[in-house]
Structure formats: structure tokens, C-alpha cells
Amino acid sequence: VQLQASGGGLVQAGGSLRLSCAVSGRTFSSYPMGWFRQAPDKERDFVASISRGGGITDYADSVKGRFTISRDNAKNTVYLQMNSLKPEDTAVYYCAASANTRGLIPREYDYWGQGTQVTVSS
């Protein structure tokens, strides 16, 4: 399984970005998916997760009401719509696939993308 994240960039505070993560393989719909982020000198933190069918989602408290995770199983892609961005959202964002459970911590995920940089200026 290979994951390719894209869509990061530089945006002003209050702006929006949509991240995409394309997943190789024909079993995409069998994987719960997650987004994590890692700022410099900090741990990798949970952002959002979505169930196999897309009907169940979870969010970190810091992004609730601003970010939306979704997936298109026909396109083997998971998305993260980020609105009302804040400077503290600046980080490298990673998508991840789990072979088992839709978790909240990195070690519960088995496959990772390369990361895409999001920078929010004040």
C-alpha cells in the first residue's frame, strides 16, 4: 500500500486548504484512514480519522468545526478540508491507513504517506 499526500502550501490565517491522499491498491475501502500532523520539534499528533465507509469520523478538539475529513472509495482518495486556518495549524500533515482499527495514535496505523507541508501566516 502506498500513500501520496498533496495539497499543502502557504496560506494566510483565516484561509482554507484541501489536502488529498491518494492510495494505491484495490483494497482502499477496507482501510480506516487518518490524518496526523507534526510541527517542528513536536510529536506527531492526531488530526482526524474516518471509517472504512466514511460514515464515522473523529477529530482532535483543536480542529473540530474547522476541518472535515472525507473519502471517495471509488477514487481511492481521502481528503482533509481545512477552513479558518490558524498559525498554530502550521505543520507537516501525514495521511495514514490502518489495517485494523480507526485509532487516535500513530502506532495504530500501518501505512504512511510522505507528508505535505502546511504553513499558515499571521
N, C-alpha and C. Protein backbone atom coordinates (compact mmCIF):
# COMPACT_ATOMS: atom_id res chain seq x y z
N VAL A 1 0.85 -1.19 0.00
CA VAL A 1 0.00 0.00 0.00
C VAL A 1 0.89 1.24 0.00
N GLN A 2 0.64 2.14 -0.92
CA GLN A 2 1.40 3.39 -0.98
C GLN A 2 0.43 4.56 -0.89
N LEU A 3 0.84 5.58 -0.13
CA LEU A 3 0.02 6.75 0.08
C LEU A 3 0.78 7.98 -0.42
N GLN A 4 0.09 8.85 -1.14
CA GLN A 4 0.70 10.07 -1.68
C GLN A 4 -0.16 11.26 -1.29
N ALA A 5 0.37 12.07 -0.36
CA ALA A 5 -0.35 13.25 0.08
C ALA A 5 0.02 14.46 -0.76
N SER A 6 -0.95 15.34 -0.95
CA SER A 6 -0.72 16.56 -1.71
C SER A 6 -1.68 17.64 -1.23
N GLY A 7 -1.45 18.87 -1.71
CA GLY A 7 -2.37 19.95 -1.42
C GLY A 7 -1.90 20.96 -0.40
N GLY A 8 -0.75 20.71 0.20
CA GLY A 8 -0.24 21.66 1.17
C GLY A 8 0.24 22.94 0.51
N GLY A 9 0.58 23.92 1.33
CA GLY A 9 1.07 25.18 0.80
C GLY A 9 1.09 26.25 1.86
N LEU A 10 1.28 27.48 1.39
CA LEU A 10 1.31 28.65 2.26
C LEU A 10 -0.01 29.39 2.13
N VAL A 11 -0.64 29.69 3.26
CA VAL A 11 -1.92 30.38 3.26
C VAL A 11 -1.96 31.34 4.43
N GLN A 12 -2.71 32.42 4.27
CA GLN A 12 -2.87 33.37 5.36
C GLN A 12 -3.87 32.86 6.39
N ALA A 13 -3.72 33.33 7.59
CA ALA A 13 -4.66 32.97 8.65
C ALA A 13 -6.09 33.30 8.20
N GLY A 14 -6.99 32.37 8.49
CA GLY A 14 -8.37 32.51 8.05
C GLY A 14 -8.67 31.87 6.71
N GLY A 15 -7.63 31.47 6.02
CA GLY A 15 -7.81 30.86 4.71
C GLY A 15 -8.12 29.38 4.79
N SER A 16 -8.16 28.75 3.61
CA SER A 16 -8.52 27.34 3.50
C SER A 16 -7.55 26.60 2.60
N LEU A 17 -7.44 25.31 2.86
CA LEU A 17 -6.70 24.38 2.01
C LEU A 17 -7.42 23.05 2.03
N ARG A 18 -7.27 22.30 0.95
CA ARG A 18 -7.78 20.93 0.94
C ARG A 18 -6.63 19.99 0.62
N LEU A 19 -6.36 19.11 1.55
CA LEU A 19 -5.36 18.08 1.35
C LEU A 19 -6.00 16.85 0.75
N SER A 20 -5.23 16.17 -0.10
CA SER A 20 -5.67 14.91 -0.69
C SER A 20 -4.62 13.84 -0.41
N CYS A 21 -5.08 12.62 -0.32
CA CYS A 21 -4.17 11.50 -0.13
C CYS A 21 -4.65 10.37 -1.03
N ALA A 22 -3.88 10.10 -2.06
CA ALA A 22 -4.21 9.03 -3.00
C ALA A 22 -3.55 7.74 -2.53
N VAL A 23 -4.30 6.68 -2.52
CA VAL A 23 -3.83 5.39 -2.01
C VAL A 23 -3.83 4.36 -3.12
N SER A 24 -2.73 3.68 -3.26
CA SER A 24 -2.63 2.63 -4.28
C SER A 24 -3.28 1.36 -3.79
N GLY A 25 -3.64 0.49 -4.72
CA GLY A 25 -4.20 -0.80 -4.34
C GLY A 25 -5.70 -0.84 -4.49
N ARG A 26 -6.23 -2.04 -4.56
CA ARG A 26 -7.66 -2.21 -4.80
C ARG A 26 -8.45 -2.43 -3.52
N THR A 27 -7.77 -2.33 -2.37
CA THR A 27 -8.46 -2.58 -1.10
C THR A 27 -8.59 -1.33 -0.26
N PHE A 28 -8.59 -0.18 -0.88
CA PHE A 28 -8.64 1.08 -0.14
C PHE A 28 -9.83 1.12 0.79
N SER A 29 -10.97 0.64 0.34
CA SER A 29 -12.19 0.73 1.15
C SER A 29 -12.13 -0.13 2.41
N SER A 30 -11.13 -0.98 2.53
CA SER A 30 -11.00 -1.82 3.72
C SER A 30 -10.19 -1.16 4.82
N TYR A 31 -9.62 0.02 4.54
CA TYR A 31 -8.74 0.69 5.50
C TYR A 31 -9.42 1.88 6.15
N PRO A 32 -9.52 1.88 7.48
CA PRO A 32 -9.79 3.16 8.14
C PRO A 32 -8.61 4.09 7.85
N MET A 33 -8.89 5.38 7.74
CA MET A 33 -7.85 6.33 7.37
C MET A 33 -7.75 7.44 8.40
N GLY A 34 -6.57 8.01 8.47
CA GLY A 34 -6.37 9.11 9.42
C GLY A 34 -5.44 10.16 8.85
N TRP A 35 -5.55 11.35 9.43
CA TRP A 35 -4.61 12.44 9.17
C TRP A 35 -3.94 12.80 10.50
N PHE A 36 -2.64 13.00 10.42
CA PHE A 36 -1.84 13.44 11.57
C PHE A 36 -1.03 14.65 11.13
N ARG A 37 -0.48 15.35 12.10
CA ARG A 37 0.40 16.47 11.78
C ARG A 37 1.54 16.55 12.78
N GLN A 38 2.64 17.10 12.29
CA GLN A 38 3.82 17.20 13.13
C GLN A 38 4.49 18.55 12.89
N ALA A 39 4.53 19.35 13.93
CA ALA A 39 5.22 20.63 13.89
C ALA A 39 6.68 20.40 14.29
N PRO A 40 7.57 21.34 13.94
CA PRO A 40 8.99 21.18 14.28
C PRO A 40 9.20 20.95 15.78
N ASP A 41 10.00 19.97 16.11
CA ASP A 41 10.37 19.64 17.48
C ASP A 41 9.18 19.20 18.33
N LYS A 42 8.12 18.74 17.68
CA LYS A 42 6.96 18.24 18.42
C LYS A 42 6.61 16.84 17.94
N GLU A 43 5.79 16.17 18.74
CA GLU A 43 5.36 14.83 18.38
C GLU A 43 4.32 14.88 17.26
N ARG A 44 4.13 13.75 16.63
CA ARG A 44 3.10 13.64 15.60
C ARG A 44 1.74 13.50 16.29
N ASP A 45 0.84 14.41 15.97
CA ASP A 45 -0.45 14.47 16.65
C ASP A 45 -1.59 14.06 15.73
N PHE A 46 -2.59 13.46 16.33
CA PHE A 46 -3.82 13.09 15.62
C PHE A 46 -4.58 14.34 15.19
N VAL A 47 -5.12 14.30 13.98
CA VAL A 47 -5.96 15.39 13.48
C VAL A 47 -7.39 14.89 13.25
N ALA A 48 -7.53 13.82 12.46
CA ALA A 48 -8.86 13.32 12.13
C ALA A 48 -8.76 11.88 11.63
N SER A 49 -9.87 11.16 11.76
CA SER A 49 -9.93 9.81 11.22
C SER A 49 -11.30 9.56 10.62
N ILE A 50 -11.37 8.54 9.76
CA ILE A 50 -12.62 8.22 9.09
C ILE A 50 -12.72 6.72 8.93
N SER A 51 -13.93 6.20 9.08
CA SER A 51 -14.15 4.77 8.99
C SER A 51 -14.08 4.30 7.54
N ARG A 52 -14.14 3.00 7.36
CA ARG A 52 -13.99 2.41 6.03
C ARG A 52 -15.03 2.95 5.04
N GLY A 53 -16.24 3.05 5.49
CA GLY A 53 -17.32 3.51 4.62
C GLY A 53 -17.51 5.02 4.63
N GLY A 54 -16.83 5.69 5.54
CA GLY A 54 -16.92 7.15 5.62
C GLY A 54 -18.00 7.67 6.55
N GLY A 55 -18.72 6.76 7.19
CA GLY A 55 -19.85 7.22 8.00
C GLY A 55 -19.50 7.67 9.41
N ILE A 56 -18.28 7.33 9.85
CA ILE A 56 -17.87 7.70 11.21
C ILE A 56 -16.57 8.47 11.13
N THR A 57 -16.55 9.61 11.78
CA THR A 57 -15.34 10.45 11.80
C THR A 57 -15.03 10.88 13.23
N ASP A 58 -13.77 11.16 13.46
CA ASP A 58 -13.31 11.71 14.74
C ASP A 58 -12.37 12.86 14.44
N TYR A 59 -12.33 13.82 15.35
CA TYR A 59 -11.47 14.99 15.18
C TYR A 59 -10.78 15.33 16.50
N ALA A 60 -9.58 15.86 16.36
CA ALA A 60 -8.94 16.47 17.53
C ALA A 60 -9.74 17.70 17.93
N ASP A 61 -9.76 17.98 19.22
CA ASP A 61 -10.52 19.13 19.70
C ASP A 61 -10.06 20.42 19.04
N SER A 62 -8.78 20.51 18.73
CA SER A 62 -8.21 21.74 18.19
C SER A 62 -8.68 22.05 16.77
N VAL A 63 -9.27 21.06 16.08
CA VAL A 63 -9.70 21.29 14.69
C VAL A 63 -11.19 21.10 14.50
N LYS A 64 -11.89 20.68 15.52
CA LYS A 64 -13.34 20.48 15.40
C LYS A 64 -14.03 21.74 14.95
N GLY A 65 -14.93 21.58 13.98
CA GLY A 65 -15.67 22.73 13.46
C GLY A 65 -14.94 23.48 12.37
N ARG A 66 -13.65 23.17 12.17
CA ARG A 66 -12.87 23.86 11.13
C ARG A 66 -12.41 22.89 10.04
N PHE A 67 -12.08 21.67 10.41
CA PHE A 67 -11.58 20.67 9.46
C PHE A 67 -12.64 19.61 9.22
N THR A 68 -12.63 19.07 8.00
CA THR A 68 -13.55 17.99 7.64
C THR A 68 -12.79 16.92 6.89
N ILE A 69 -12.86 15.70 7.38
CA ILE A 69 -12.26 14.56 6.69
C ILE A 69 -13.34 13.85 5.88
N SER A 70 -12.96 13.40 4.71
CA SER A 70 -13.90 12.67 3.86
C SER A 70 -13.10 11.71 2.99
N ARG A 71 -13.80 10.82 2.33
CA ARG A 71 -13.13 9.86 1.47
C ARG A 71 -14.02 9.53 0.28
N ASP A 72 -13.36 9.17 -0.81
CA ASP A 72 -14.04 8.72 -2.02
C ASP A 72 -13.45 7.36 -2.35
N ASN A 73 -14.17 6.31 -1.99
CA ASN A 73 -13.63 4.96 -2.19
C ASN A 73 -13.51 4.59 -3.67
N ALA A 74 -14.28 5.23 -4.51
CA ALA A 74 -14.17 4.97 -5.95
C ALA A 74 -12.89 5.55 -6.53
N LYS A 75 -12.36 6.58 -5.86
CA LYS A 75 -11.14 7.23 -6.33
C LYS A 75 -9.93 6.89 -5.47
N ASN A 76 -10.13 6.01 -4.48
CA ASN A 76 -9.02 5.64 -3.58
C ASN A 76 -8.35 6.86 -2.96
N THR A 77 -9.15 7.81 -2.52
CA THR A 77 -8.61 9.06 -2.02
C THR A 77 -9.32 9.49 -0.74
N VAL A 78 -8.53 10.01 0.19
CA VAL A 78 -9.07 10.61 1.39
C VAL A 78 -8.68 12.09 1.38
N TYR A 79 -9.58 12.92 1.91
CA TYR A 79 -9.39 14.36 1.87
C TYR A 79 -9.41 14.96 3.28
N LEU A 80 -8.79 16.11 3.41
CA LEU A 80 -8.90 16.89 4.62
C LEU A 80 -9.14 18.34 4.21
N GLN A 81 -10.38 18.79 4.36
CA GLN A 81 -10.72 20.17 4.09
C GLN A 81 -10.44 20.98 5.34
N MET A 82 -9.59 21.99 5.21
CA MET A 82 -9.18 22.81 6.34
C MET A 82 -9.62 24.24 6.13
N ASN A 83 -10.50 24.71 6.98
CA ASN A 83 -11.00 26.08 6.91
C ASN A 83 -10.58 26.86 8.15
N SER A 84 -10.69 28.17 8.06
CA SER A 84 -10.36 29.05 9.19
C SER A 84 -9.01 28.70 9.77
N LEU A 85 -8.04 28.56 8.91
CA LEU A 85 -6.71 28.13 9.35
C LEU A 85 -6.06 29.16 10.27
N LYS A 86 -5.30 28.62 11.21
CA LYS A 86 -4.60 29.44 12.21
C LYS A 86 -3.10 29.18 12.12
N PRO A 87 -2.28 30.12 12.55
CA PRO A 87 -0.82 29.88 12.53
C PRO A 87 -0.44 28.60 13.27
N GLU A 88 -1.14 28.24 14.30
CA GLU A 88 -0.81 27.03 15.06
C GLU A 88 -1.16 25.74 14.30
N ASP A 89 -1.81 25.86 13.15
CA ASP A 89 -2.04 24.69 12.30
C ASP A 89 -0.83 24.37 11.43
N THR A 90 0.17 25.23 11.46
CA THR A 90 1.37 25.01 10.66
C THR A 90 2.07 23.72 11.08
N ALA A 91 2.29 22.84 10.12
CA ALA A 91 2.90 21.54 10.39
C ALA A 91 3.05 20.78 9.08
N VAL A 92 3.74 19.67 9.15
CA VAL A 92 3.70 18.69 8.06
C VAL A 92 2.52 17.75 8.34
N TYR A 93 1.68 17.59 7.36
CA TYR A 93 0.48 16.77 7.51
C TYR A 93 0.69 15.42 6.82
N TYR A 94 0.36 14.36 7.54
CA TYR A 94 0.54 13.00 7.05
C TYR A 94 -0.80 12.28 6.99
N CYS A 95 -1.01 11.54 5.91
CA CYS A 95 -2.14 10.63 5.87
C CYS A 95 -1.65 9.23 6.21
N ALA A 96 -2.55 8.43 6.76
CA ALA A 96 -2.17 7.10 7.21
C ALA A 96 -3.34 6.14 7.05
N ALA A 97 -3.01 4.89 6.82
CA ALA A 97 -4.01 3.83 6.67
C ALA A 97 -3.80 2.78 7.75
N SER A 98 -4.89 2.31 8.29
CA SER A 98 -4.82 1.28 9.32
C SER A 98 -5.34 -0.05 8.77
N ALA A 99 -4.63 -1.13 9.10
CA ALA A 99 -5.09 -2.45 8.69
C ALA A 99 -6.17 -2.99 9.62
N ASN A 100 -6.38 -2.31 10.74
CA ASN A 100 -7.33 -2.83 11.72
C ASN A 100 -8.30 -1.76 12.20
N THR A 101 -7.88 -0.98 13.18
CA THR A 101 -8.81 -0.11 13.86
C THR A 101 -8.61 1.35 13.47
N ARG A 102 -9.64 2.11 13.61
CA ARG A 102 -9.58 3.55 13.37
C ARG A 102 -9.14 4.20 14.66
N GLY A 103 -7.82 4.41 14.77
CA GLY A 103 -7.26 4.85 16.04
C GLY A 103 -6.95 6.33 16.11
N LEU A 104 -6.43 6.71 17.28
CA LEU A 104 -6.10 8.10 17.55
C LEU A 104 -4.61 8.33 17.72
N ILE A 105 -3.81 7.27 17.68
CA ILE A 105 -2.38 7.42 17.88
C ILE A 105 -1.63 6.82 16.70
N PRO A 106 -0.45 7.35 16.41
CA PRO A 106 0.27 6.92 15.20
C PRO A 106 0.54 5.41 15.13
N ARG A 107 0.84 4.77 16.25
CA ARG A 107 1.22 3.36 16.18
C ARG A 107 0.05 2.44 15.83
N GLU A 108 -1.13 2.99 15.78
CA GLU A 108 -2.30 2.19 15.36
C GLU A 108 -2.46 2.18 13.84
N TYR A 109 -1.59 2.89 13.14
CA TYR A 109 -1.65 2.95 11.69
C TYR A 109 -0.45 2.24 11.09
N ASP A 110 -0.68 1.59 9.98
CA ASP A 110 0.32 0.70 9.40
C ASP A 110 1.03 1.28 8.18
N TYR A 111 0.39 2.16 7.48
CA TYR A 111 0.96 2.71 6.24
C TYR A 111 0.87 4.24 6.30
N TRP A 112 1.94 4.88 5.80
CA TRP A 112 2.04 6.33 5.89
C TRP A 112 2.43 6.95 4.57
N GLY A 113 1.89 8.13 4.32
CA GLY A 113 2.34 8.92 3.19
C GLY A 113 3.57 9.73 3.56
N GLN A 114 4.09 10.47 2.63
CA GLN A 114 5.34 11.19 2.82
C GLN A 114 5.17 12.53 3.52
N GLY A 115 3.96 13.01 3.63
CA GLY A 115 3.73 14.29 4.30
C GLY A 115 3.67 15.44 3.33
N THR A 116 2.87 16.44 3.68
CA THR A 116 2.77 17.65 2.88
C THR A 116 2.78 18.84 3.84
N GLN A 117 3.57 19.85 3.51
CA GLN A 117 3.77 20.99 4.41
C GLN A 117 2.61 21.98 4.29
N VAL A 118 2.08 22.36 5.45
CA VAL A 118 1.07 23.42 5.53
C VAL A 118 1.65 24.53 6.39
N THR A 119 1.70 25.73 5.83
CA THR A 119 2.21 26.88 6.56
C THR A 119 1.14 27.97 6.56
N VAL A 120 0.77 28.42 7.76
CA VAL A 120 -0.25 29.45 7.90
C VAL A 120 0.42 30.69 8.47
N SER A 121 0.37 31.77 7.71
CA SER A 121 1.00 33.02 8.15
C SER A 121 -0.02 33.89 8.87
N SER A 122 0.48 34.66 9.83
CA SER A 122 -0.42 35.52 10.62
C SER A 122 -0.59 36.88 9.97
